[in-house]
Amino acid sequence: MNSGPAAQKQPMSTTYTLDTSTSRAHPTPAPMKRLTVPQVAARKGGEPLVMLTAYTARMAQLLDPHCDLLLVGDSLGQVIYGLPSTLPVTLDMMCAHGAAVVRGSYHAVVVIDMPFGSYEASPEQAFASAARIMAETGAAGVKLEGGEAMAPTVAFLSQRGIPVIGHVGLTPQAVNALGGYGARGRSNAEHAKIVADARAIAEAGAFALVAEGVIEPLARTITAEVSCPVIGIGASAECDGQVLVTEDMLGLFERTPRFVKRYADMASLIGEAAASYAAEVRARAFPTADQTYAPK
């Protein structure tokens, strides 16, 4: 894609210049300001917020024009690294991928997950980890899991200039304690606990809240009772916004979680393209004169 007048007229936050030395497209900012944390917070009860995960600069370029927020999720442990859970993800991983996503985006608010073990011990530990993430990536905020127990940490960070998104309900970093990835809030006691968690995190100063894997009535209750936007994943269309793992939404994995709608079947397209390439290589049909260099 070029960066001429036609490209500038497109309703995108990013145009591209071609680096002739590498043949790679690099993003350049178009006349569009990046959304801010206060703008996101002000969307409570308004137009739903659109959030997707991104882990690379190129994916950020593609998603940025369509999203209000890009989440560099610790789900990259499974999606990028093939790990069995999010638990082994490190701060180094989050900082490296977070910086790439910030470089590839110009419109969306970029938020980075704080990995397991980087914030739970104390508010001071959380601040040190979050400050490193913010300084090394240029992101707008961080996301952390947990309910009432994490409220003092959310307040500590928020009061020191670090915007925080909370995360309640199904919290993947606590999968061992929860006993699996099943929907939360089916019992009266768990329903009440998650509502209390959401209230505590919102009152502590979180500018938004992710509600994951909760039964639909509970998601509606949380959305109605907290002051900050509630972004659902496996929750309810009545939430203030939605988030999905992009690779799930694109159909890059064989298994589709119940709460995911596949908007494409990219796995099949990639497989078909690779098969065509392999067949042409084996038949010596690639490369042709169009892909080779003739003597001057």
Protein backbone atom coordinates (compact mmCIF):
# COMPACT_ATOMS: atom_id res chain seq x y z
CA MET A 1 0.00 0.00 0.00
CA ASN A 2 1.41 3.41 -0.90
CA SER A 3 1.27 6.60 1.10
CA GLY A 4 0.06 8.90 -1.68
CA PRO A 5 -3.12 10.98 -1.80
CA ALA A 6 -5.38 7.98 -2.40
CA ALA A 7 -4.03 6.24 0.66
CA GLN A 8 -4.41 9.36 2.79
CA LYS A 9 -8.12 9.59 1.94
CA GLN A 10 -8.86 6.14 3.33
CA PRO A 11 -10.58 6.08 6.75
CA MET A 12 -7.63 4.46 8.48
CA SER A 13 -5.39 5.49 11.32
CA THR A 14 -2.30 4.14 9.62
CA THR A 15 -0.81 4.51 6.16
CA TYR A 16 2.32 2.77 4.98
CA THR A 17 5.63 3.69 3.42
CA LEU A 18 7.65 1.04 1.64
CA ASP A 19 11.18 0.52 2.90
CA THR A 20 13.02 -0.30 -0.31
CA SER A 21 15.93 -1.88 1.54
CA THR A 22 13.74 -4.48 3.24
CA SER A 23 10.58 -4.47 1.07
CA ARG A 24 8.60 -4.13 4.28
CA ALA A 25 5.72 -1.75 4.87
CA HIS A 26 6.25 0.56 7.80
CA PRO A 27 3.41 2.50 9.42
CA THR A 28 3.35 6.27 9.40
CA PRO A 29 0.80 8.33 11.31
CA ALA A 30 -2.11 9.73 9.34
CA PRO A 31 -4.10 12.74 10.58
CA MET A 32 -5.86 10.91 13.40
CA LYS A 33 -5.24 11.30 17.11
CA ARG A 34 -4.97 8.24 19.31
CA LEU A 35 -7.89 7.71 21.65
CA THR A 36 -7.22 8.43 25.30
CA VAL A 37 -8.03 6.64 28.54
CA PRO A 38 -10.55 9.35 29.61
CA GLN A 39 -12.31 9.00 26.24
CA VAL A 40 -12.63 5.26 26.77
CA ALA A 41 -13.90 5.73 30.32
CA ALA A 42 -16.50 8.21 29.06
CA ARG A 43 -18.02 5.57 26.79
CA LYS A 44 -19.87 3.99 29.74
CA GLY A 45 -23.41 3.37 28.55
CA GLY A 46 -22.65 4.81 25.11
CA GLU A 47 -21.40 3.36 21.85
CA PRO A 48 -19.95 -0.09 22.63
CA LEU A 49 -16.18 -0.33 22.86
CA VAL A 50 -14.40 -2.60 20.37
CA MET A 51 -11.36 -4.44 21.70
CA LEU A 52 -9.22 -7.19 20.17
CA THR A 53 -5.92 -8.77 21.12
CA ALA A 54 -2.74 -8.01 19.20
CA TYR A 55 0.77 -9.34 19.74
CA THR A 56 2.71 -8.09 16.69
CA ALA A 57 3.21 -4.81 14.85
CA ARG A 58 1.66 -6.11 11.63
CA MET A 59 -1.49 -7.37 13.33
CA ALA A 60 -1.76 -4.06 15.16
CA GLN A 61 -1.61 -2.22 11.81
CA LEU A 62 -4.49 -4.30 10.48
CA LEU A 63 -6.70 -4.09 13.57
CA ASP A 64 -6.00 -0.52 14.67
CA PRO A 65 -8.44 1.29 12.34
CA HIS A 66 -11.34 -0.82 13.61
CA CYS A 67 -10.66 -0.97 17.37
CA ASP A 68 -10.96 1.39 20.29
CA LEU A 69 -8.56 -0.70 22.35
CA LEU A 70 -5.86 -3.21 21.50
CA LEU A 71 -5.03 -5.66 24.28
CA VAL A 72 -1.60 -7.24 24.38
CA GLY A 73 -2.92 -10.20 26.31
CA ASP A 74 -0.94 -12.78 28.23
CA SER A 75 -2.89 -15.18 26.01
CA LEU A 76 0.17 -14.76 23.79
CA GLY A 77 1.59 -17.58 25.90
CA GLN A 78 -0.73 -20.02 24.14
CA VAL A 79 -1.28 -18.19 20.85
CA ILE A 80 2.34 -17.25 20.06
CA TYR A 81 4.48 -19.54 22.18
CA GLY A 82 2.41 -22.73 22.37
CA LEU A 83 2.45 -22.78 26.16
CA PRO A 84 -0.22 -24.75 28.04
CA SER A 85 -1.49 -21.71 29.96
CA THR A 86 -0.74 -18.05 30.64
CA LEU A 87 1.19 -18.82 33.82
CA PRO A 88 4.71 -19.10 32.28
CA VAL A 89 4.43 -15.73 30.50
CA THR A 90 7.11 -13.24 31.58
CA LEU A 91 7.45 -9.48 31.78
CA ASP A 92 10.10 -9.68 29.07
CA MET A 93 7.56 -11.27 26.72
CA MET A 94 4.88 -8.70 27.51
CA CYS A 95 7.24 -5.77 27.06
CA ALA A 96 8.61 -7.03 23.74
CA HIS A 97 5.20 -7.69 22.22
CA GLY A 98 3.65 -4.60 23.79
CA ALA A 99 6.27 -2.33 22.22
CA ALA A 100 5.63 -3.93 18.82
CA VAL A 101 1.89 -3.32 19.08
CA VAL A 102 2.37 0.31 20.10
CA ARG A 103 4.70 0.82 17.12
CA GLY A 104 2.08 -0.66 14.79
CA SER A 105 -0.88 1.41 15.98
CA TYR A 106 -1.88 5.06 15.97
CA HIS A 107 -5.54 5.11 16.91
CA ALA A 108 -6.40 2.53 19.57
CA VAL A 109 -5.61 2.68 23.28
CA VAL A 110 -3.03 -0.05 23.85
CA VAL A 111 -3.25 -1.93 27.16
CA ILE A 112 -0.86 -4.65 28.27
CA ASP A 113 -1.58 -7.58 30.56
CA MET A 114 0.54 -7.86 33.66
CA PRO A 115 1.74 -11.48 33.76
CA PHE A 116 1.28 -13.90 36.62
CA GLY A 117 3.64 -13.22 39.53
CA SER A 118 4.47 -9.66 38.50
CA TYR A 119 1.92 -7.80 40.66
CA GLU A 120 0.22 -9.99 43.27
CA ALA A 121 2.78 -9.72 46.10
CA SER A 122 2.23 -6.04 46.89
CA PRO A 123 1.17 -2.72 45.39
CA GLU A 124 4.83 -1.75 45.31
CA GLN A 125 5.73 -4.83 43.26
CA ALA A 126 2.84 -4.06 40.91
CA PHE A 127 4.01 -0.48 40.48
CA ALA A 128 7.56 -1.56 39.63
CA SER A 129 6.26 -4.03 37.03
CA ALA A 130 3.72 -1.62 35.57
CA ALA A 131 6.24 1.22 35.42
CA ARG A 132 8.60 -1.00 33.46
CA ILE A 133 5.81 -1.97 31.03
CA MET A 134 4.78 1.63 30.50
CA ALA A 135 8.34 2.90 30.05
CA GLU A 136 9.48 0.14 27.69
CA THR A 137 6.37 -0.05 25.51
CA GLY A 138 4.70 3.36 25.40
CA ALA A 139 1.35 1.71 26.19
CA ALA A 140 -1.53 3.66 27.71
CA GLY A 141 -2.25 1.30 30.58
CA VAL A 142 -2.07 -2.16 32.08
CA LYS A 143 -4.58 -4.87 32.87
CA LEU A 144 -4.52 -7.11 35.91
CA GLU A 145 -6.70 -9.95 37.15
CA GLY A 146 -8.42 -10.26 40.52
CA GLY A 147 -11.22 -8.91 42.63
CA GLU A 148 -11.46 -7.31 46.06
CA ALA A 149 -7.99 -8.50 47.07
CA MET A 150 -6.47 -6.51 44.20
CA ALA A 151 -8.44 -3.31 44.83
CA PRO A 152 -5.67 -1.70 46.93
CA THR A 153 -3.21 -2.42 44.12
CA VAL A 154 -5.53 -0.88 41.51
CA ALA A 155 -5.87 2.22 43.71
CA PHE A 156 -2.09 2.38 44.27
CA LEU A 157 -1.38 2.29 40.53
CA SER A 158 -4.20 4.64 39.55
CA GLN A 159 -3.16 7.24 42.10
CA ARG A 160 0.36 7.16 40.66
CA GLY A 161 -0.63 7.81 37.08
CA ILE A 162 -0.89 4.26 35.73
CA PRO A 163 -4.29 3.58 34.14
CA VAL A 164 -5.64 0.12 34.98
CA ILE A 165 -8.21 -2.21 33.46
CA GLY A 166 -9.51 -4.79 35.92
CA HIS A 167 -10.51 -8.37 35.12
CA VAL A 168 -13.10 -10.40 37.05
CA GLY A 169 -15.09 -13.60 36.64
CA LEU A 170 -13.07 -16.28 34.91
CA THR A 171 -9.48 -15.21 35.58
CA PRO A 172 -7.12 -17.48 33.59
CA GLN A 173 -4.13 -16.82 35.84
CA ALA A 174 -6.13 -18.40 38.68
CA VAL A 175 -7.17 -21.43 36.63
CA ASN A 176 -5.64 -23.85 39.16
CA ALA A 177 -7.61 -22.35 42.03
CA LEU A 178 -10.80 -22.17 39.97
CA GLY A 179 -10.49 -25.78 38.85
CA GLY A 180 -10.81 -25.09 35.13
CA TYR A 181 -12.20 -22.72 32.53
CA GLY A 182 -15.94 -23.21 33.14
CA ALA A 183 -18.42 -20.33 33.30
CA ARG A 184 -18.52 -18.48 36.61
CA GLY A 185 -21.39 -17.13 38.69
CA ARG A 186 -23.80 -20.07 38.56
CA SER A 187 -24.13 -20.31 42.34
CA ASN A 188 -25.63 -17.51 44.43
CA ALA A 189 -22.44 -17.22 46.48
CA GLU A 190 -20.16 -16.96 43.43
CA HIS A 191 -22.57 -14.53 41.77
CA ALA A 192 -22.43 -12.23 44.79
CA LYS A 193 -18.65 -12.55 45.06
CA ILE A 194 -18.06 -11.53 41.45
CA VAL A 195 -20.40 -8.54 41.75
CA ALA A 196 -18.51 -7.46 44.88
CA ASP A 197 -15.21 -7.94 43.05
CA ALA A 198 -16.35 -5.78 40.16
CA ARG A 199 -17.56 -3.01 42.46
CA ALA A 200 -14.32 -3.02 44.43
CA ILE A 201 -12.12 -2.78 41.34
CA ALA A 202 -14.24 -0.01 39.80
CA GLU A 203 -14.31 1.96 43.04
CA ALA A 204 -10.53 1.58 43.33
CA GLY A 205 -10.13 3.58 40.13
CA ALA A 206 -10.03 1.14 37.22
CA PHE A 207 -10.98 2.97 34.03
CA ALA A 208 -12.56 -0.18 32.57
CA LEU A 209 -13.26 -3.75 33.56
CA VAL A 210 -13.15 -7.05 31.67
CA ALA A 211 -15.82 -9.55 32.69
CA GLU A 212 -14.86 -12.99 31.35
CA GLY A 213 -16.75 -16.26 31.24
CA VAL A 214 -19.66 -15.23 33.47
CA ILE A 215 -23.29 -16.20 33.01
CA GLU A 216 -25.26 -13.65 31.02
CA PRO A 217 -27.49 -12.29 33.83
CA LEU A 218 -24.42 -11.70 35.98
CA ALA A 219 -22.72 -9.76 33.17
CA ARG A 220 -25.77 -7.53 32.87
CA THR A 221 -25.81 -6.95 36.63
CA ILE A 222 -22.14 -5.99 36.71
CA THR A 223 -22.57 -3.63 33.76
CA ALA A 224 -25.50 -1.91 35.45
CA GLU A 225 -23.87 -1.59 38.86
CA VAL A 226 -20.34 -0.35 38.20
CA SER A 227 -19.39 3.12 37.04
CA CYS A 228 -16.68 2.19 34.55
CA PRO A 229 -17.18 0.50 31.17
CA VAL A 230 -17.51 -3.29 31.36
CA ILE A 231 -15.98 -5.15 28.41
CA GLY A 232 -17.34 -8.64 28.01
CA ILE A 233 -15.77 -11.85 26.75
CA GLY A 234 -18.13 -14.75 27.08
CA ALA A 235 -20.52 -12.44 28.94
CA SER A 236 -23.36 -10.40 27.40
CA ALA A 237 -24.15 -8.14 24.46
CA GLU A 238 -25.41 -5.69 27.11
CA CYS A 239 -21.85 -5.02 28.26
CA ASP A 240 -20.25 -1.68 27.37
CA GLY A 241 -17.95 -3.39 24.88
CA GLN A 242 -16.54 -6.71 23.72
CA VAL A 243 -13.11 -8.31 23.43
CA LEU A 244 -11.96 -11.50 21.72
CA VAL A 245 -8.64 -13.16 21.03
CA THR A 246 -8.08 -12.18 17.41
CA GLU A 247 -6.74 -15.57 16.37
CA ASP A 248 -9.91 -17.23 17.69
CA MET A 249 -12.12 -14.75 15.82
CA LEU A 250 -10.15 -15.34 12.61
CA GLY A 251 -10.48 -19.12 12.85
CA LEU A 252 -6.77 -19.84 13.15
CA PHE A 253 -7.31 -22.66 15.64
CA GLU A 254 -9.24 -25.89 15.29
CA ARG A 255 -11.15 -25.41 18.53
CA THR A 256 -13.55 -22.52 18.85
CA PRO A 257 -14.61 -21.63 22.41
CA ARG A 258 -18.37 -21.34 22.93
CA PHE A 259 -18.22 -17.58 23.37
CA VAL A 260 -16.30 -16.98 20.11
CA LYS A 261 -17.88 -16.27 16.74
CA ARG A 262 -15.62 -17.17 13.81
CA TYR A 263 -15.62 -14.27 11.39
CA ALA A 264 -13.20 -16.01 9.00
CA ASP A 265 -11.50 -19.35 8.37
CA MET A 266 -7.93 -18.15 8.06
CA ALA A 267 -6.45 -21.53 8.97
CA SER A 268 -7.88 -23.06 5.79
CA LEU A 269 -6.70 -20.13 3.65
CA ILE A 270 -3.17 -20.40 5.02
CA GLY A 271 -3.14 -24.16 4.53
CA GLU A 272 -4.37 -23.81 0.95
CA ALA A 273 -1.77 -21.16 0.15
CA ALA A 274 1.02 -23.28 1.63
CA ALA A 275 -0.18 -26.33 -0.31
CA SER A 276 -0.19 -24.37 -3.60
CA TYR A 277 3.29 -23.07 -2.90
CA ALA A 278 4.59 -26.54 -2.06
CA ALA A 279 3.10 -28.02 -5.23
CA GLU A 280 4.64 -25.33 -7.44
CA VAL A 281 8.06 -25.68 -5.81
CA ARG A 282 8.02 -29.45 -6.30
CA ALA A 283 6.92 -29.02 -9.92
CA ARG A 284 9.60 -26.35 -10.49
CA ALA A 285 6.78 -23.98 -11.45
CA PHE A 286 7.97 -21.40 -8.92
CA PRO A 287 9.80 -19.10 -9.25
CA THR A 288 9.00 -17.89 -12.74
CA ALA A 289 10.55 -15.05 -14.73
CA ASP A 290 8.35 -12.66 -12.77
CA GLN A 291 10.09 -13.61 -9.53
CA THR A 292 13.72 -13.87 -10.75
CA TYR A 293 16.34 -11.35 -11.82
CA ALA A 294 17.67 -11.12 -15.37
CA PRO A 295 21.18 -9.87 -16.22
CA LYS A 296 21.38 -6.16 -16.98
